[in-house]
C-alpha cells in the first residue's frame, strides 16, 4: 500500500513523485504554494518514506503501482510532477 497525503480540492489533479531516496515531504514547500488551486496527491513510492517495499521492485513494478494508485483513487488525467 502506498502512503500518500492529499491536499486541496481544485479541478486539476497533480501527483508529485519524489526523487530516489526521498519521500513526499520533499515537495512540501511547493505543495504549500499550490494546494489552494489544485487537488494534490503526494506519494511515497514503495520502499521510500512510509511505503513498504514488499519485494525488490523493477521500473515496471513502480509504473504498475502508480497506475493502480491512480485507478484506486479515481483520478482522471493527472499531471505527474517528478524529481
N, C-alpha and C. Protein backbone atom coordinates (compact mmCIF):
# COMPACT_ATOMS: atom_id res chain seq x y z
N UNK A 1 0.84 -1.18 0.00
CA UNK A 1 0.00 0.00 0.00
C UNK A 1 0.88 1.24 0.00
N UNK A 2 0.54 2.18 -0.84
CA UNK A 2 1.31 3.41 -0.97
C UNK A 2 0.84 4.43 0.07
N UNK A 3 1.80 4.97 0.82
CA UNK A 3 1.50 6.07 1.72
C UNK A 3 1.37 7.34 0.89
N UNK A 4 0.35 8.14 1.19
CA UNK A 4 0.18 9.39 0.46
C UNK A 4 -0.52 10.42 1.33
N UNK A 5 -0.41 11.65 0.91
CA UNK A 5 -1.14 12.76 1.51
C UNK A 5 -1.90 13.45 0.39
N UNK A 6 -3.10 13.91 0.71
CA UNK A 6 -3.92 14.62 -0.26
C UNK A 6 -4.14 16.04 0.24
N UNK A 7 -4.01 16.99 -0.67
CA UNK A 7 -4.18 18.40 -0.34
C UNK A 7 -5.07 19.06 -1.38
N UNK A 8 -5.82 20.07 -0.98
CA UNK A 8 -6.58 20.88 -1.91
C UNK A 8 -7.79 20.19 -2.50
N UNK A 9 -8.48 20.94 -3.36
CA UNK A 9 -9.68 20.40 -4.00
C UNK A 9 -9.96 21.05 -5.35
N UNK A 10 -8.91 21.49 -6.03
CA UNK A 10 -9.08 22.10 -7.35
C UNK A 10 -9.50 21.10 -8.40
N UNK A 11 -9.92 21.61 -9.55
CA UNK A 11 -10.39 20.74 -10.65
C UNK A 11 -9.25 19.91 -11.24
N UNK A 12 -8.07 20.51 -11.40
CA UNK A 12 -6.92 19.79 -11.96
C UNK A 12 -6.19 19.06 -10.85
N UNK A 13 -5.81 17.81 -11.12
CA UNK A 13 -5.10 16.99 -10.14
C UNK A 13 -3.63 16.88 -10.49
N UNK A 14 -2.79 17.10 -9.49
CA UNK A 14 -1.35 16.94 -9.61
C UNK A 14 -0.92 15.76 -8.75
N UNK A 15 0.00 14.95 -9.27
CA UNK A 15 0.61 13.87 -8.48
C UNK A 15 2.10 14.15 -8.42
N UNK A 16 2.61 14.30 -7.21
CA UNK A 16 4.02 14.58 -7.00
C UNK A 16 4.77 13.27 -6.72
N UNK A 17 5.86 13.06 -7.47
CA UNK A 17 6.69 11.86 -7.34
C UNK A 17 8.08 12.29 -6.90
N UNK A 18 8.48 11.86 -5.74
CA UNK A 18 9.78 12.25 -5.18
C UNK A 18 10.94 11.58 -5.92
N UNK A 19 12.14 12.10 -5.69
CA UNK A 19 13.35 11.51 -6.25
C UNK A 19 13.79 10.30 -5.45
N UNK A 20 14.79 9.59 -6.00
CA UNK A 20 15.31 8.38 -5.37
C UNK A 20 15.83 8.71 -3.98
N UNK A 21 15.41 7.91 -3.01
CA UNK A 21 15.84 8.12 -1.63
C UNK A 21 15.03 9.17 -0.89
N UNK A 22 14.03 9.77 -1.54
CA UNK A 22 13.24 10.82 -0.93
C UNK A 22 11.91 10.32 -0.40
N UNK A 23 11.01 11.26 -0.16
CA UNK A 23 9.64 10.97 0.25
C UNK A 23 8.76 12.12 -0.23
N UNK A 24 7.47 11.99 -0.03
CA UNK A 24 6.55 13.04 -0.47
C UNK A 24 6.91 14.38 0.18
N UNK A 25 7.51 14.34 1.36
CA UNK A 25 7.78 15.57 2.10
C UNK A 25 8.78 16.49 1.40
N UNK A 26 9.55 15.96 0.46
CA UNK A 26 10.47 16.82 -0.28
C UNK A 26 9.72 17.87 -1.11
N UNK A 27 8.45 17.62 -1.36
CA UNK A 27 7.62 18.54 -2.14
C UNK A 27 6.84 19.53 -1.28
N UNK A 28 6.95 19.46 0.04
CA UNK A 28 6.12 20.25 0.95
C UNK A 28 6.09 21.75 0.63
N UNK A 29 7.23 22.41 0.37
CA UNK A 29 7.17 23.85 0.08
C UNK A 29 6.37 24.19 -1.19
N UNK A 30 6.48 23.34 -2.20
CA UNK A 30 5.74 23.57 -3.45
C UNK A 30 4.26 23.27 -3.26
N UNK A 31 3.97 22.20 -2.54
CA UNK A 31 2.58 21.84 -2.26
C UNK A 31 1.89 22.98 -1.51
N UNK A 32 2.58 23.55 -0.57
CA UNK A 32 2.01 24.66 0.22
C UNK A 32 1.57 25.81 -0.70
N UNK A 33 2.34 26.08 -1.73
CA UNK A 33 2.01 27.17 -2.67
C UNK A 33 0.88 26.82 -3.63
N UNK A 34 0.71 25.53 -3.93
CA UNK A 34 -0.25 25.12 -4.97
C UNK A 34 -1.56 24.54 -4.43
N UNK A 35 -1.62 24.21 -3.16
CA UNK A 35 -2.77 23.47 -2.63
C UNK A 35 -4.10 24.22 -2.70
N UNK A 36 -4.07 25.53 -2.85
CA UNK A 36 -5.32 26.28 -2.96
C UNK A 36 -5.88 26.32 -4.37
N UNK A 37 -5.08 25.86 -5.33
CA UNK A 37 -5.51 25.90 -6.74
C UNK A 37 -5.73 24.52 -7.36
N UNK A 38 -5.16 23.48 -6.76
CA UNK A 38 -5.18 22.13 -7.34
C UNK A 38 -5.55 21.09 -6.29
N UNK A 39 -5.97 19.92 -6.77
CA UNK A 39 -6.02 18.74 -5.92
C UNK A 39 -4.66 18.08 -6.07
N UNK A 40 -4.02 17.82 -4.95
CA UNK A 40 -2.65 17.32 -4.98
C UNK A 40 -2.56 16.00 -4.22
N UNK A 41 -1.92 15.02 -4.86
CA UNK A 41 -1.56 13.77 -4.21
C UNK A 41 -0.03 13.74 -4.15
N UNK A 42 0.49 13.60 -2.95
CA UNK A 42 1.94 13.48 -2.75
C UNK A 42 2.18 12.09 -2.19
N UNK A 43 2.88 11.26 -2.96
CA UNK A 43 3.00 9.85 -2.58
C UNK A 43 4.43 9.50 -2.18
N UNK A 44 4.53 8.45 -1.36
CA UNK A 44 5.80 7.79 -1.08
C UNK A 44 5.82 6.54 -1.94
N UNK A 45 6.73 6.47 -2.88
CA UNK A 45 6.85 5.27 -3.70
C UNK A 45 7.25 4.08 -2.83
N UNK A 46 6.93 2.85 -3.25
CA UNK A 46 7.28 1.67 -2.46
C UNK A 46 8.77 1.63 -2.11
N UNK A 47 9.05 1.43 -0.83
CA UNK A 47 10.42 1.36 -0.35
C UNK A 47 10.97 2.69 0.12
N UNK A 48 10.14 3.74 0.08
CA UNK A 48 10.57 5.08 0.48
C UNK A 48 9.55 5.69 1.42
N UNK A 49 10.00 6.64 2.24
CA UNK A 49 9.08 7.26 3.19
C UNK A 49 8.40 6.21 4.03
N UNK A 50 7.07 6.25 4.07
CA UNK A 50 6.30 5.30 4.88
C UNK A 50 5.65 4.19 4.05
N UNK A 51 6.06 4.04 2.80
CA UNK A 51 5.52 2.97 1.96
C UNK A 51 6.44 1.75 2.02
N UNK A 52 5.88 0.60 2.41
CA UNK A 52 6.72 -0.61 2.48
C UNK A 52 7.14 -1.10 1.10
N UNK A 53 8.21 -1.85 1.07
CA UNK A 53 8.68 -2.49 -0.16
C UNK A 53 8.48 -3.99 0.02
N UNK A 54 7.41 -4.55 -0.57
CA UNK A 54 7.10 -5.96 -0.35
C UNK A 54 8.07 -6.94 -1.02
N UNK A 55 8.80 -6.45 -2.02
CA UNK A 55 9.76 -7.28 -2.76
C UNK A 55 10.67 -6.33 -3.51
N UNK A 56 11.77 -6.79 -4.05
CA UNK A 56 12.57 -5.90 -4.90
C UNK A 56 11.74 -5.45 -6.11
N UNK A 57 11.77 -4.17 -6.41
CA UNK A 57 10.96 -3.60 -7.48
C UNK A 57 11.79 -3.26 -8.70
N UNK A 58 11.19 -3.50 -9.86
CA UNK A 58 11.75 -3.05 -11.13
C UNK A 58 11.04 -1.75 -11.51
N UNK A 59 11.50 -1.10 -12.54
CA UNK A 59 10.82 0.10 -13.03
C UNK A 59 9.38 -0.22 -13.41
N UNK A 60 9.16 -1.37 -14.03
CA UNK A 60 7.80 -1.77 -14.40
C UNK A 60 6.92 -1.92 -13.17
N UNK A 61 7.47 -2.42 -12.06
CA UNK A 61 6.69 -2.55 -10.82
C UNK A 61 6.27 -1.17 -10.29
N UNK A 62 7.18 -0.20 -10.34
CA UNK A 62 6.83 1.15 -9.90
C UNK A 62 5.74 1.75 -10.79
N UNK A 63 5.84 1.54 -12.08
CA UNK A 63 4.83 2.03 -13.02
C UNK A 63 3.47 1.39 -12.71
N UNK A 64 3.47 0.10 -12.46
CA UNK A 64 2.25 -0.61 -12.13
C UNK A 64 1.63 -0.08 -10.84
N UNK A 65 2.45 0.15 -9.82
CA UNK A 65 1.96 0.69 -8.55
C UNK A 65 1.32 2.06 -8.76
N UNK A 66 1.97 2.92 -9.53
CA UNK A 66 1.44 4.25 -9.78
C UNK A 66 0.13 4.16 -10.56
N UNK A 67 0.07 3.31 -11.56
CA UNK A 67 -1.16 3.11 -12.33
C UNK A 67 -2.29 2.63 -11.43
N UNK A 68 -2.01 1.67 -10.58
CA UNK A 68 -3.03 1.16 -9.65
C UNK A 68 -3.49 2.25 -8.68
N UNK A 69 -2.56 3.07 -8.20
CA UNK A 69 -2.89 4.16 -7.30
C UNK A 69 -3.86 5.13 -7.97
N UNK A 70 -3.58 5.48 -9.21
CA UNK A 70 -4.44 6.40 -9.96
C UNK A 70 -5.83 5.81 -10.13
N UNK A 71 -5.92 4.54 -10.47
CA UNK A 71 -7.22 3.88 -10.64
C UNK A 71 -7.97 3.78 -9.32
N UNK A 72 -7.30 3.37 -8.25
CA UNK A 72 -7.94 3.19 -6.95
C UNK A 72 -8.49 4.50 -6.39
N UNK A 73 -7.87 5.61 -6.74
CA UNK A 73 -8.31 6.90 -6.23
C UNK A 73 -9.17 7.67 -7.24
N UNK A 74 -9.58 6.99 -8.31
CA UNK A 74 -10.46 7.57 -9.33
C UNK A 74 -9.93 8.91 -9.85
N UNK A 75 -8.64 8.95 -10.11
CA UNK A 75 -8.01 10.16 -10.61
C UNK A 75 -8.06 10.14 -12.14
N UNK A 76 -8.55 11.24 -12.71
CA UNK A 76 -8.70 11.33 -14.16
C UNK A 76 -7.72 12.38 -14.69
N UNK A 77 -6.91 11.99 -15.65
CA UNK A 77 -5.96 12.87 -16.33
C UNK A 77 -5.10 13.71 -15.38
N UNK A 78 -4.37 13.05 -14.50
CA UNK A 78 -3.50 13.82 -13.59
C UNK A 78 -2.28 14.37 -14.32
N UNK A 79 -1.71 15.40 -13.76
CA UNK A 79 -0.42 15.91 -14.20
C UNK A 79 0.61 15.30 -13.24
N UNK A 80 1.58 14.56 -13.79
CA UNK A 80 2.63 13.96 -12.98
C UNK A 80 3.80 14.93 -12.90
N UNK A 81 4.26 15.16 -11.68
CA UNK A 81 5.39 16.06 -11.46
C UNK A 81 6.43 15.26 -10.70
N UNK A 82 7.58 15.04 -11.33
CA UNK A 82 8.59 14.19 -10.72
C UNK A 82 9.92 14.87 -10.54
N UNK A 83 10.68 14.31 -9.64
CA UNK A 83 12.04 14.83 -9.35
C UNK A 83 13.04 13.78 -9.80
